[in-house]
Amino acid sequence: MMSHSDEDESILGLPKRVRLLMHIIKAIGSMQNEYLINYFYKFDIMNEKLKNYLNGVFAPYDEVKSVTELKADLLSDLQERFLELKAEGKDDEIAFKMTIDSIGDIEQTLNEVANFSSSQE
């Protein structure tokens, strides 16, 4: 039996929106659109890498509400930073590394936020 997430993936493992864009390309037949699909597909891969990184760093603090909110905000900031670096011409892996490096030692900040939240309860 397929789960909901399995239904969102094709046999090729492409995200649903990438498949949709591929259908648009076939209809239009434009090389420029092929470039856009490739761009969005790569961004999806890097976005997953960012999420996985944050999930690992934030795992010990999953039960702390203020840390969960910080995680969502940080993901958005990291996605934006990654896109800025890509716009500057950085390749995916360098942009990813620079994006992660841009937040510094986040674990100390998480500890402080978690401790502060615990003291407020």
PDB file of N, CA and C in Angstrom:
ATOM      1  N   MET A   1       0.844  -1.186   0.000  1.00  0.00           N
ATOM      2  CA  MET A   1       0.000   0.000   0.000  1.00  0.00           C
ATOM      3  C   MET A   1       0.883   1.241   0.000  1.00  0.00           C
ATOM      4  N   MET A   2       0.555   2.209  -0.831  1.00  0.00           N
ATOM      5  CA  MET A   2       1.342   3.436  -0.916  1.00  0.00           C
ATOM      6  C   MET A   2       0.917   4.420   0.151  1.00  0.00           C
ATOM      7  N   SER A   3       1.908   5.040   0.795  1.00  0.00           N
ATOM      8  CA  SER A   3       1.604   6.108   1.742  1.00  0.00           C
ATOM      9  C   SER A   3       1.416   7.399   0.956  1.00  0.00           C
ATOM     10  N   HIS A   4       0.946   8.430   1.646  1.00  0.00           N
ATOM     11  CA  HIS A   4       0.712   9.711   0.987  1.00  0.00           C
ATOM     12  C   HIS A   4       2.006  10.260   0.382  1.00  0.00           C
ATOM     13  N   SER A   5       3.117  10.132   1.103  1.00  0.00           N
ATOM     14  CA  SER A   5       4.372  10.660   0.581  1.00  0.00           C
ATOM     15  C   SER A   5       4.827   9.864  -0.631  1.00  0.00           C
ATOM     16  N   ASP A   6       4.516   8.561  -0.691  1.00  0.00           N
ATOM     17  CA  ASP A   6       4.864   7.762  -1.857  1.00  0.00           C
ATOM     18  C   ASP A   6       4.103   8.243  -3.083  1.00  0.00           C
ATOM     19  N   GLU A   7       2.882   8.694  -2.888  1.00  0.00           N
ATOM     20  CA  GLU A   7       2.080   9.172  -4.008  1.00  0.00           C
ATOM     21  C   GLU A   7       2.641  10.459  -4.578  1.00  0.00           C
ATOM     22  N   ASP A   8       3.341  11.238  -3.752  1.00  0.00           N
ATOM     23  CA  ASP A   8       3.905  12.498  -4.193  1.00  0.00           C
ATOM     24  C   ASP A   8       5.192  12.311  -4.980  1.00  0.00           C
ATOM     25  N   GLU A   9       5.727  11.110  -5.008  1.00  0.00           N
ATOM     26  CA  GLU A   9       6.970  10.840  -5.709  1.00  0.00           C
ATOM     27  C   GLU A   9       6.682  10.007  -6.949  1.00  0.00           C
ATOM     28  N   SER A  10       7.415  10.275  -7.991  1.00  0.00           N
ATOM     29  CA  SER A  10       7.259   9.472  -9.196  1.00  0.00           C
ATOM     30  C   SER A  10       8.196   8.282  -9.127  1.00  0.00           C
ATOM     31  N   ILE A  11       8.129   7.436 -10.144  1.00  0.00           N
ATOM     32  CA  ILE A  11       9.033   6.295 -10.226  1.00  0.00           C
ATOM     33  C   ILE A  11      10.474   6.780 -10.229  1.00  0.00           C
ATOM     34  N   LEU A  12      10.718   7.937 -10.827  1.00  0.00           N
ATOM     35  CA  LEU A  12      12.068   8.481 -10.889  1.00  0.00           C
ATOM     36  C   LEU A  12      12.469   9.172  -9.586  1.00  0.00           C
ATOM     37  N   GLY A  13      11.562   9.283  -8.647  1.00  0.00           N
ATOM     38  CA  GLY A  13      11.860   9.939  -7.382  1.00  0.00           C
ATOM     39  C   GLY A  13      11.823  11.456  -7.462  1.00  0.00           C
ATOM     40  N   LEU A  14      11.197  12.005  -8.481  1.00  0.00           N
ATOM     41  CA  LEU A  14      11.123  13.448  -8.626  1.00  0.00           C
ATOM     42  C   LEU A  14       9.967  14.007  -7.816  1.00  0.00           C
ATOM     43  N   PRO A  15      10.187  15.131  -7.141  1.00  0.00           N
ATOM     44  CA  PRO A  15       9.088  15.757  -6.408  1.00  0.00           C
ATOM     45  C   PRO A  15       7.940  16.124  -7.351  1.00  0.00           C
ATOM     46  N   LYS A  16       6.756  16.183  -6.803  1.00  0.00           N
ATOM     47  CA  LYS A  16       5.547  16.420  -7.587  1.00  0.00           C
ATOM     48  C   LYS A  16       5.628  17.705  -8.405  1.00  0.00           C
ATOM     49  N   ARG A  17       6.132  18.787  -7.811  1.00  0.00           N
ATOM     50  CA  ARG A  17       6.171  20.051  -8.549  1.00  0.00           C
ATOM     51  C   ARG A  17       7.174  19.992  -9.695  1.00  0.00           C
ATOM     52  N   VAL A  18       8.254  19.213  -9.542  1.00  0.00           N
ATOM     53  CA  VAL A  18       9.213  19.064 -10.632  1.00  0.00           C
ATOM     54  C   VAL A  18       8.561  18.310 -11.782  1.00  0.00           C
ATOM     55  N   ARG A  19       7.797  17.264 -11.461  1.00  0.00           N
ATOM     56  CA  ARG A  19       7.096  16.520 -12.508  1.00  0.00           C
ATOM     57  C   ARG A  19       6.118  17.427 -13.240  1.00  0.00           C
ATOM     58  N   LEU A  20       5.407  18.269 -12.495  1.00  0.00           N
ATOM     59  CA  LEU A  20       4.465  19.203 -13.101  1.00  0.00           C
ATOM     60  C   LEU A  20       5.189  20.141 -14.061  1.00  0.00           C
ATOM     61  N   LEU A  21       6.323  20.666 -13.626  1.00  0.00           N
ATOM     62  CA  LEU A  21       7.094  21.546 -14.495  1.00  0.00           C
ATOM     63  C   LEU A  21       7.595  20.810 -15.734  1.00  0.00           C
ATOM     64  N   MET A  22       7.908  19.526 -15.591  1.00  0.00           N
ATOM     65  CA  MET A  22       8.352  18.750 -16.748  1.00  0.00           C
ATOM     66  C   MET A  22       7.236  18.635 -17.780  1.00  0.00           C
ATOM     67  N   HIS A  23       6.005  18.487 -17.311  1.00  0.00           N
ATOM     68  CA  HIS A  23       4.868  18.432 -18.234  1.00  0.00           C
ATOM     69  C   HIS A  23       4.701  19.772 -18.956  1.00  0.00           C
ATOM     70  N   ILE A  24       4.939  20.849 -18.244  1.00  0.00           N
ATOM     71  CA  ILE A  24       4.849  22.177 -18.863  1.00  0.00           C
ATOM     72  C   ILE A  24       5.908  22.306 -19.953  1.00  0.00           C
ATOM     73  N   ILE A  25       7.116  21.820 -19.667  1.00  0.00           N
ATOM     74  CA  ILE A  25       8.190  21.878 -20.662  1.00  0.00           C
ATOM     75  C   ILE A  25       7.799  21.123 -21.921  1.00  0.00           C
ATOM     76  N   LYS A  26       7.252  19.935 -21.732  1.00  0.00           N
ATOM     77  CA  LYS A  26       6.860  19.147 -22.898  1.00  0.00           C
ATOM     78  C   LYS A  26       5.834  19.898 -23.728  1.00  0.00           C
ATOM     79  N   ALA A  27       4.938  20.591 -23.062  1.00  0.00           N
ATOM     80  CA  ALA A  27       3.905  21.329 -23.777  1.00  0.00           C
ATOM     81  C   ALA A  27       4.487  22.536 -24.503  1.00  0.00           C
ATOM     82  N   ILE A  28       5.427  23.195 -23.884  1.00  0.00           N
ATOM     83  CA  ILE A  28       5.988  24.413 -24.469  1.00  0.00           C
ATOM     84  C   ILE A  28       7.202  24.101 -25.343  1.00  0.00           C
ATOM     85  N   GLY A  29       7.992  23.126 -24.920  1.00  0.00           N
ATOM     86  CA  GLY A  29       9.166  22.736 -25.699  1.00  0.00           C
ATOM     87  C   GLY A  29      10.287  23.748 -25.658  1.00  0.00           C
ATOM     88  N   SER A  30      10.461  24.430 -24.556  1.00  0.00           N
ATOM     89  CA  SER A  30      11.464  25.490 -24.476  1.00  0.00           C
ATOM     90  C   SER A  30      12.691  25.040 -23.682  1.00  0.00           C
ATOM     91  N   MET A  31      13.861  25.292 -24.207  1.00  0.00           N
ATOM     92  CA  MET A  31      15.109  24.981 -23.499  1.00  0.00           C
ATOM     93  C   MET A  31      15.223  25.816 -22.232  1.00  0.00           C
ATOM     94  N   GLN A  32      14.717  27.021 -22.266  1.00  0.00           N
ATOM     95  CA  GLN A  32      14.768  27.883 -21.095  1.00  0.00           C
ATOM     96  C   GLN A  32      13.983  27.248 -19.950  1.00  0.00           C
ATOM     97  N   ASN A  33      12.853  26.659 -20.251  1.00  0.00           N
ATOM     98  CA  ASN A  33      12.061  26.005 -19.223  1.00  0.00           C
ATOM     99  C   ASN A  33      12.767  24.769 -18.678  1.00  0.00           C
ATOM    100  N   GLU A  34      13.517  24.059 -19.516  1.00  0.00           N
ATOM    101  CA  GLU A  34      14.293  22.921 -19.034  1.00  0.00           C
ATOM    102  C   GLU A  34      15.301  23.381 -17.994  1.00  0.00           C
ATOM    103  N   TYR A  35      15.920  24.516 -18.261  1.00  0.00           N
ATOM    104  CA  TYR A  35      16.866  25.087 -17.305  1.00  0.00           C
ATOM    105  C   TYR A  35      16.178  25.374 -15.972  1.00  0.00           C
ATOM    106  N   LEU A  36      14.974  25.946 -16.033  1.00  0.00           N
ATOM    107  CA  LEU A  36      14.246  26.259 -14.804  1.00  0.00           C
ATOM    108  C   LEU A  36      13.901  25.005 -14.015  1.00  0.00           C
ATOM    109  N   ILE A  37      13.491  23.965 -14.690  1.00  0.00           N
ATOM    110  CA  ILE A  37      13.180  22.711 -13.995  1.00  0.00           C
ATOM    111  C   ILE A  37      14.419  22.163 -13.309  1.00  0.00           C
ATOM    112  N   ASN A  38      15.528  22.167 -14.015  1.00  0.00           N
ATOM    113  CA  ASN A  38      16.778  21.696 -13.437  1.00  0.00           C
ATOM    114  C   ASN A  38      17.137  22.531 -12.212  1.00  0.00           C
ATOM    115  N   TYR A  39      16.952  23.838 -12.311  1.00  0.00           N
ATOM    116  CA  TYR A  39      17.243  24.745 -11.209  1.00  0.00           C
ATOM    117  C   TYR A  39      16.377  24.410  -9.989  1.00  0.00           C
ATOM    118  N   PHE A  40      15.061  24.259 -10.211  1.00  0.00           N
ATOM    119  CA  PHE A  40      14.165  23.962  -9.094  1.00  0.00           C
ATOM    120  C   PHE A  40      14.429  22.583  -8.508  1.00  0.00           C
ATOM    121  N   TYR A  41      14.774  21.634  -9.340  1.00  0.00           N
ATOM    122  CA  TYR A  41      15.084  20.289  -8.856  1.00  0.00           C
ATOM    123  C   TYR A  41      16.314  20.321  -7.963  1.00  0.00           C
ATOM    124  N   LYS A  42      17.354  21.038  -8.406  1.00  0.00           N
ATOM    125  CA  LYS A  42      18.560  21.157  -7.585  1.00  0.00           C
ATOM    126  C   LYS A  42      18.255  21.898  -6.292  1.00  0.00           C
ATOM    127  N   PHE A  43      17.410  22.924  -6.369  1.00  0.00           N
ATOM    128  CA  PHE A  43      17.052  23.651  -5.147  1.00  0.00           C
ATOM    129  C   PHE A  43      16.323  22.724  -4.184  1.00  0.00           C
ATOM    130  N   ASP A  44      15.437  21.863  -4.679  1.00  0.00           N
ATOM    131  CA  ASP A  44      14.744  20.903  -3.810  1.00  0.00           C
ATOM    132  C   ASP A  44      15.741  19.999  -3.094  1.00  0.00           C
ATOM    133  N   ILE A  45      16.756  19.543  -3.819  1.00  0.00           N
ATOM    134  CA  ILE A  45      17.775  18.680  -3.216  1.00  0.00           C
ATOM    135  C   ILE A  45      18.526  19.436  -2.122  1.00  0.00           C
ATOM    136  N   MET A  46      18.938  20.653  -2.413  1.00  0.00           N
ATOM    137  CA  MET A  46      19.676  21.446  -1.422  1.00  0.00           C
ATOM    138  C   MET A  46      18.777  21.825  -0.249  1.00  0.00           C
ATOM    139  N   ASN A  47      17.508  22.071  -0.531  1.00  0.00           N
ATOM    140  CA  ASN A  47      16.560  22.389   0.528  1.00  0.00           C
ATOM    141  C   ASN A  47      16.435  21.205   1.493  1.00  0.00           C
ATOM    142  N   GLU A  48      16.380  19.994   0.943  1.00  0.00           N
ATOM    143  CA  GLU A  48      16.337  18.791   1.787  1.00  0.00           C
ATOM    144  C   GLU A  48      17.596  18.668   2.625  1.00  0.00           C
ATOM    145  N   LYS A  49      18.744  18.998   2.034  1.00  0.00           N
ATOM    146  CA  LYS A  49      19.998  18.941   2.787  1.00  0.00           C
ATOM    147  C   LYS A  49      19.973  19.933   3.942  1.00  0.00           C
ATOM    148  N   LEU A  50      19.441  21.137   3.698  1.00  0.00           N
ATOM    149  CA  LEU A  50      19.331  22.137   4.767  1.00  0.00           C
ATOM    150  C   LEU A  50      18.409  21.642   5.874  1.00  0.00           C
ATOM    151  N   LYS A  51      17.261  21.075   5.483  1.00  0.00           N
ATOM    152  CA  LYS A  51      16.320  20.543   6.475  1.00  0.00           C
ATOM    153  C   LYS A  51      16.958  19.426   7.286  1.00  0.00           C
ATOM    154  N   ASN A  52      17.654  18.516   6.615  1.00  0.00           N
ATOM    155  CA  ASN A  52      18.301  17.408   7.320  1.00  0.00           C
ATOM    156  C   ASN A  52      19.361  17.912   8.292  1.00  0.00           C
ATOM    157  N   TYR A  53      20.117  18.912   7.871  1.00  0.00           N
ATOM    158  CA  TYR A  53      21.128  19.501   8.759  1.00  0.00           C
ATOM    159  C   TYR A  53      20.468  20.075  10.006  1.00  0.00           C
ATOM    160  N   LEU A  54      19.432  20.892   9.796  1.00  0.00           N
ATOM    161  CA  LEU A  54      18.751  21.505  10.937  1.00  0.00           C
ATOM    162  C   LEU A  54      18.074  20.466  11.822  1.00  0.00           C
ATOM    163  N   ASN A  55      17.476  19.440  11.219  1.00  0.00           N
ATOM    164  CA  ASN A  55      16.847  18.385  12.019  1.00  0.00           C
ATOM    165  C   ASN A  55      17.860  17.730  12.939  1.00  0.00           C
ATOM    166  N   GLY A  56      19.070  17.513  12.451  1.00  0.00           N
ATOM    167  CA  GLY A  56      20.115  16.921  13.277  1.00  0.00           C
ATOM    168  C   GLY A  56      20.539  17.831  14.406  1.00  0.00           C
ATOM    169  N   VAL A  57      20.741  19.100  14.103  1.00  0.00           N
ATOM    170  CA  VAL A  57      21.183  20.065  15.122  1.00  0.00           C
ATOM    171  C   VAL A  57      20.100  20.300  16.170  1.00  0.00           C
ATOM    172  N   PHE A  58      18.848  20.350  15.720  1.00  0.00           N
ATOM    173  CA  PHE A  58      17.742  20.686  16.621  1.00  0.00           C
ATOM    174  C   PHE A  58      17.138  19.468  17.326  1.00  0.00           C
ATOM    175  N   ALA A  59      17.550  18.271  16.972  1.00  0.00           N
ATOM    176  CA  ALA A  59      16.943  17.049  17.519  1.00  0.00           C
ATOM    177  C   ALA A  59      16.847  17.034  19.048  1.00  0.00           C
ATOM    178  N   PRO A  60      17.882  17.435  19.773  1.00  0.00           N
ATOM    179  CA  PRO A  60      17.772  17.387  21.237  1.00  0.00           C
ATOM    180  C   PRO A  60      16.753  18.375  21.826  1.00  0.00           C
ATOM    181  N   TYR A  61      16.280  19.305  21.015  1.00  0.00           N
ATOM    182  CA  TYR A  61      15.402  20.365  21.515  1.00  0.00           C
ATOM    183  C   TYR A  61      14.004  20.310  20.909  1.00  0.00           C
ATOM    184  N   ASP A  62      13.618  19.188  20.335  1.00  0.00           N
ATOM    185  CA  ASP A  62      12.339  19.085  19.636  1.00  0.00           C
ATOM    186  C   ASP A  62      11.132  19.425  20.500  1.00  0.00           C
ATOM    187  N   GLU A  63      11.216  19.223  21.783  1.00  0.00           N
ATOM    188  CA  GLU A  63      10.073  19.461  22.666  1.00  0.00           C
ATOM    189  C   GLU A  63       9.952  20.916  23.124  1.00  0.00           C
ATOM    190  N   VAL A  64      10.942  21.753  22.826  1.00  0.00           N
ATOM    191  CA  VAL A  64      10.940  23.143  23.288  1.00  0.00           C
ATOM    192  C   VAL A  64      10.312  24.025  22.208  1.00  0.00           C
ATOM    193  N   LYS A  65       9.155  24.608  22.526  1.00  0.00           N
ATOM    194  CA  LYS A  65       8.392  25.365  21.525  1.00  0.00           C
ATOM    195  C   LYS A  65       9.182  26.524  20.928  1.00  0.00           C
ATOM    196  N   SER A  66       9.863  27.297  21.763  1.00  0.00           N
ATOM    197  CA  SER A  66      10.596  28.449  21.242  1.00  0.00           C
ATOM    198  C   SER A  66      11.721  28.017  20.309  1.00  0.00           C
ATOM    199  N   VAL A  67      12.303  26.842  20.557  1.00  0.00           N
ATOM    200  CA  VAL A  67      13.358  26.331  19.690  1.00  0.00           C
ATOM    201  C   VAL A  67      12.760  25.864  18.364  1.00  0.00           C
ATOM    202  N   THR A  68      11.572  25.285  18.408  1.00  0.00           N
ATOM    203  CA  THR A  68      10.896  24.853  17.184  1.00  0.00           C
ATOM    204  C   THR A  68      10.600  26.054  16.291  1.00  0.00           C
ATOM    205  N   GLU A  69      10.170  27.151  16.904  1.00  0.00           N
ATOM    206  CA  GLU A  69       9.914  28.383  16.140  1.00  0.00           C
ATOM    207  C   GLU A  69      11.213  28.932  15.548  1.00  0.00           C
ATOM    208  N   LEU A  70      12.278  28.877  16.333  1.00  0.00           N
ATOM    209  CA  LEU A  70      13.581  29.328  15.859  1.00  0.00           C
ATOM    210  C   LEU A  70      14.030  28.493  14.661  1.00  0.00           C
ATOM    211  N   LYS A  71      13.773  27.200  14.723  1.00  0.00           N
ATOM    212  CA  LYS A  71      14.153  26.292  13.631  1.00  0.00           C
ATOM    213  C   LYS A  71      13.458  26.688  12.326  1.00  0.00           C
ATOM    214  N   ALA A  72      12.175  26.965  12.395  1.00  0.00           N
ATOM    215  CA  ALA A  72      11.421  27.362  11.195  1.00  0.00           C
ATOM    216  C   ALA A  72      11.962  28.671  10.627  1.00  0.00           C
ATOM    217  N   ASP A  73      12.229  29.642  11.494  1.00  0.00           N
ATOM    218  CA  ASP A  73      12.778  30.919  11.046  1.00  0.00           C
ATOM    219  C   ASP A  73      14.162  30.743  10.432  1.00  0.00           C
ATOM    220  N   LEU A  74      14.967  29.924  11.079  1.00  0.00           N
ATOM    221  CA  LEU A  74      16.324  29.699  10.600  1.00  0.00           C
ATOM    222  C   LEU A  74      16.321  29.001   9.241  1.00  0.00           C
ATOM    223  N   LEU A  75      15.437  28.033   9.043  1.00  0.00           N
ATOM    224  CA  LEU A  75      15.344  27.357   7.753  1.00  0.00           C
ATOM    225  C   LEU A  75      15.034  28.360   6.653  1.00  0.00           C
ATOM    226  N   SER A  76      14.103  29.238   6.903  1.00  0.00           N
ATOM    227  CA  SER A  76      13.749  30.262   5.916  1.00  0.00           C
ATOM    228  C   SER A  76      14.949  31.153   5.598  1.00  0.00           C
ATOM    229  N   ASP A  77      15.678  31.564   6.636  1.00  0.00           N
ATOM    230  CA  ASP A  77      16.863  32.399   6.440  1.00  0.00           C
ATOM    231  C   ASP A  77      17.941  31.661   5.651  1.00  0.00           C
ATOM    232  N   LEU A  78      18.121  30.377   5.961  1.00  0.00           N
ATOM    233  CA  LEU A  78      19.136  29.588   5.261  1.00  0.00           C
ATOM    234  C   LEU A  78      18.767  29.386   3.787  1.00  0.00           C
ATOM    235  N   GLN A  79      17.498  29.162   3.518  1.00  0.00           N
ATOM    236  CA  GLN A  79      17.052  29.017   2.131  1.00  0.00           C
ATOM    237  C   GLN A  79      17.327  30.294   1.350  1.00  0.00           C
ATOM    238  N   GLU A  80      17.033  31.428   1.969  1.00  0.00           N
ATOM    239  CA  GLU A  80      17.268  32.712   1.322  1.00  0.00           C
ATOM    240  C   GLU A  80      18.760  32.928   1.079  1.00  0.00           C
ATOM    241  N   ARG A  81      19.579  32.615   2.071  1.00  0.00           N
ATOM    242  CA  ARG A  81      21.033  32.773   1.932  1.00  0.00           C
ATOM    243  C   ARG A  81      21.569  31.880   0.808  1.00  0.00           C
ATOM    244  N   PHE A  82      21.086  30.637   0.761  1.00  0.00           N
ATOM    245  CA  PHE A  82      21.514  29.715  -0.287  1.00  0.00           C
ATOM    246  C   PHE A  82      21.209  30.285  -1.670  1.00  0.00           C
ATOM    247  N   LEU A  83      19.996  30.811  -1.847  1.00  0.00           N
ATOM    248  CA  LEU A  83      19.609  31.383  -3.143  1.00  0.00           C
ATOM    249  C   LEU A  83      20.467  32.600  -3.498  1.00  0.00           C
ATOM    250  N   GLU A  84      20.817  33.402  -2.495  1.00  0.00           N
ATOM    251  CA  GLU A  84      21.691  34.552  -2.740  1.00  0.00           C
ATOM    252  C   GLU A  84      23.055  34.094  -3.248  1.00  0.00           C
ATOM    253  N   LEU A  85      23.607  33.068  -2.605  1.00  0.00           N
ATOM    254  CA  LEU A  85      24.907  32.555  -3.021  1.00  0.00           C
ATOM    255  C   LEU A  85      24.860  31.945  -4.418  1.00  0.00           C
ATOM    256  N   LYS A  86      23.753  31.269  -4.731  1.00  0.00           N
ATOM    257  CA  LYS A  86      23.589  30.715  -6.080  1.00  0.00           C
ATOM    258  C   LYS A  86      23.515  31.849  -7.105  1.00  0.00           C
ATOM    259  N   ALA A  87      22.817  32.924  -6.761  1.00  0.00           N
ATOM    260  CA  ALA A  87      22.704  34.068  -7.667  1.00  0.00           C
ATOM    261  C   ALA A  87      24.065  34.721  -7.906  1.00  0.00           C
ATOM    262  N   GLU A  88      24.971  34.585  -6.933  1.00  0.00           N
ATOM    263  CA  GLU A  88      26.333  35.107  -7.085  1.00  0.00           C
ATOM    264  C   GLU A  88      27.202  34.181  -7.938  1.00  0.00           C
ATOM    265  N   GLY A  89      26.656  33.030  -8.312  1.00  0.00           N
ATOM    266  CA  GLY A  89      27.393  32.120  -9.179  1.00  0.00           C
ATOM    267  C   GLY A  89      28.086  30.962  -8.478  1.00  0.00           C
ATOM    268  N   LYS A  90      27.848  30.794  -7.188  1.00  0.00           N
ATOM    269  CA  LYS A  90      28.454  29.673  -6.457  1.00  0.00           C
ATOM    270  C   LYS A  90      27.793  28.371  -6.889  1.00  0.00           C
ATOM    271  N   ASP A  91      28.590  27.275  -6.918  1.00  0.00           N
ATOM    272  CA  ASP A  91      27.973  25.985  -7.229  1.00  0.00           C
ATOM    273  C   ASP A  91      27.229  25.478  -5.986  1.00  0.00           C
ATOM    274  N   ASP A  92      26.420  24.442  -6.162  1.00  0.00           N
ATOM    275  CA  ASP A  92      25.530  23.970  -5.101  1.00  0.00           C
ATOM    276  C   ASP A  92      26.264  23.626  -3.808  1.00  0.00           C
ATOM    277  N   GLU A  93      27.317  22.843  -3.913  1.00  0.00           N
ATOM    278  CA  GLU A  93      28.010  22.383  -2.700  1.00  0.00           C
ATOM    279  C   GLU A  93      28.705  23.518  -1.963  1.00  0.00           C
ATOM    280  N   ILE A  94      29.321  24.425  -2.694  1.00  0.00           N
ATOM    281  CA  ILE A  94      29.976  25.568  -2.050  1.00  0.00           C
ATOM    282  C   ILE A  94      28.930  26.477  -1.421  1.00  0.00           C
ATOM    283  N   ALA A  95      27.837  26.718  -2.140  1.00  0.00           N
ATOM    284  CA  ALA A  95      26.764  27.551  -1.584  1.00  0.00           C
ATOM    285  C   ALA A  95      26.181  26.913  -0.326  1.00  0.00           C
ATOM    286  N   PHE A  96      26.016  25.584  -0.329  1.00  0.00           N
ATOM    287  CA  PHE A  96      25.496  24.883   0.845  1.00  0.00           C
ATOM    288  C   PHE A  96      26.453  25.052   2.017  1.00  0.00           C
ATOM    289  N   LYS A  97      27.734  24.814   1.802  1.00  0.00           N
ATOM    290  CA  LYS A  97      28.715  24.932   2.879  1.00  0.00           C
ATOM    291  C   LYS A  97      28.766  26.361   3.428  1.00  0.00           C
ATOM    292  N   MET A  98      28.770  27.340   2.528  1.00  0.00           N
ATOM    293  CA  MET A  98      28.807  28.742   2.962  1.00  0.00           C
ATOM    294  C   MET A  98      27.530  29.108   3.723  1.00  0.00           C
ATOM    295  N   THR A  99      26.413  28.544   3.310  1.00  0.00           N
ATOM    296  CA  THR A  99      25.145  28.802   3.988  1.00  0.00           C
ATOM    297  C   THR A  99      25.192  28.272   5.422  1.00  0.00           C
ATOM    298  N   ILE A 100      25.655  27.040   5.576  1.00  0.00           N
ATOM    299  CA  ILE A 100      25.757  26.444   6.908  1.00  0.00           C
ATOM    300  C   ILE A 100      26.771  27.210   7.757  1.00  0.00           C
ATOM    301  N   ASP A 101      27.900  27.555   7.163  1.00  0.00           N
ATOM    302  CA  ASP A 101      28.934  28.300   7.891  1.00  0.00           C
ATOM    303  C   ASP A 101      28.428  29.667   8.347  1.00  0.00           C
ATOM    304  N   SER A 102      27.467  30.231   7.617  1.00  0.00           N
ATOM    305  CA  SER A 102      26.980  31.576   7.941  1.00  0.00           C
ATOM    306  C   SER A 102      26.251  31.646   9.285  1.00  0.00           C
ATOM    307  N   ILE A 103      25.792  30.517   9.800  1.00  0.00           N
ATOM    308  CA  ILE A 103      25.069  30.552  11.084  1.00  0.00           C
ATOM    309  C   ILE A 103      25.994  30.315  12.272  1.00  0.00           C
ATOM    310  N   GLY A 104      27.237  29.954  12.022  1.00  0.00           N
ATOM    311  CA  GLY A 104      28.192  29.779  13.116  1.00  0.00           C
ATOM    312  C   GLY A 104      27.819  28.608  14.015  1.00  0.00           C
ATOM    313  N   ASP A 105      28.186  28.734  15.282  1.00  0.00           N
ATOM    314  CA  ASP A 105      27.927  27.670  16.254  1.00  0.00           C
ATOM    315  C   ASP A 105      26.521  27.833  16.819  1.00  0.00           C
ATOM    316  N   ILE A 106      25.565  27.267  16.142  1.00  0.00           N
ATOM    317  CA  ILE A 106      24.158  27.404  16.518  1.00  0.00           C
ATOM    318  C   ILE A 106      23.815  26.619  17.780  1.00  0.00           C
ATOM    319  N   GLU A 107      24.586  25.589  18.077  1.00  0.00           N
ATOM    320  CA  GLU A 107      24.267  24.740  19.228  1.00  0.00           C
ATOM    321  C   GLU A 107      24.313  25.509  20.544  1.00  0.00           C
ATOM    322  N   GLN A 108      25.251  26.428  20.693  1.00  0.00           N
ATOM    323  CA  GLN A 108      25.314  27.235  21.911  1.00  0.00           C
ATOM    324  C   GLN A 108      24.062  28.112  22.032  1.00  0.00           C
ATOM    325  N   THR A 109      23.647  28.709  20.937  1.00  0.00           N
ATOM    326  CA  THR A 109      22.435  29.534  20.938  1.00  0.00           C
ATOM    327  C   THR A 109      21.213  28.692  21.285  1.00  0.00           C
ATOM    328  N   LEU A 110      21.119  27.492  20.727  1.00  0.00           N
ATOM    329  CA  LEU A 110      19.996  26.600  21.030  1.00  0.00           C
ATOM    330  C   LEU A 110      19.950  26.253  22.507  1.00  0.00           C
ATOM    331  N   ASN A 111      21.094  25.967  23.066  1.00  0.00           N
ATOM    332  CA  ASN A 111      21.168  25.667  24.501  1.00  0.00           C
ATOM    333  C   ASN A 111      20.636  26.829  25.328  1.00  0.00           C
ATOM    334  N   GLU A 112      21.053  28.032  24.975  1.00  0.00           N
ATOM    335  CA  GLU A 112      20.616  29.218  25.709  1.00  0.00           C
ATOM    336  C   GLU A 112      19.114  29.433  25.573  1.00  0.00           C
ATOM    337  N   VAL A 113      18.583  29.278  24.370  1.00  0.00           N
ATOM    338  CA  VAL A 113      17.137  29.445  24.143  1.00  0.00           C
ATOM    339  C   VAL A 113      16.365  28.383  24.921  1.00  0.00           C
ATOM    340  N   ALA A 114      16.821  27.143  24.877  1.00  0.00           N
ATOM    341  CA  ALA A 114      16.140  26.054  25.596  1.00  0.00           C
ATOM    342  C   ALA A 114      16.168  26.295  27.095  1.00  0.00           C
ATOM    343  N   ASN A 115      17.311  26.719  27.612  1.00  0.00           N
ATOM    344  CA  ASN A 115      17.414  26.993  29.050  1.00  0.00           C
ATOM    345  C   ASN A 115      16.529  28.158  29.455  1.00  0.00           C
ATOM    346  N   PHE A 116      16.489  29.201  28.635  1.00  0.00           N
ATOM    347  CA  PHE A 116      15.633  30.345  28.927  1.00  0.00           C
ATOM    348  C   PHE A 116      14.164  29.932  28.911  1.00  0.00           C
ATOM    349  N   SER A 117      13.772  29.164  27.928  1.00  0.00           N
ATOM    350  CA  SER A 117      12.380  28.698  27.832  1.00  0.00           C
ATOM    351  C   SER A 117      12.008  27.854  29.046  1.00  0.00           C
ATOM    352  N   SER A 118      12.904  26.984  29.466  1.00  0.00           N
ATOM    353  CA  SER A 118      12.637  26.139  30.625  1.00  0.00           C
ATOM    354  C   SER A 118      12.468  26.959  31.893  1.00  0.00           C
ATOM    355  N   SER A 119      13.247  28.029  32.012  1.00  0.00           N
ATOM    356  CA  SER A 119      13.154  28.867  33.208  1.00  0.00           C
ATOM    357  C   SER A 119      11.886  29.705  33.221  1.00  0.00           C
ATOM    358  N   GLN A 120      11.277  29.927  32.058  1.00  0.00           N
ATOM    359  CA  GLN A 120      10.048  30.720  31.960  1.00  0.00           C
ATOM    360  C   GLN A 120       8.788  29.899  32.225  1.00  0.00           C
ATOM    361  N   GLU A 121       8.900  28.565  32.178  1.00  0.00           N
ATOM    362  CA  GLU A 121       7.722  27.707  32.362  1.00  0.00           C
ATOM    363  C   GLU A 121       7.362  27.548  33.814  1.00  0.00           C
TER     364      GLU A 121
END
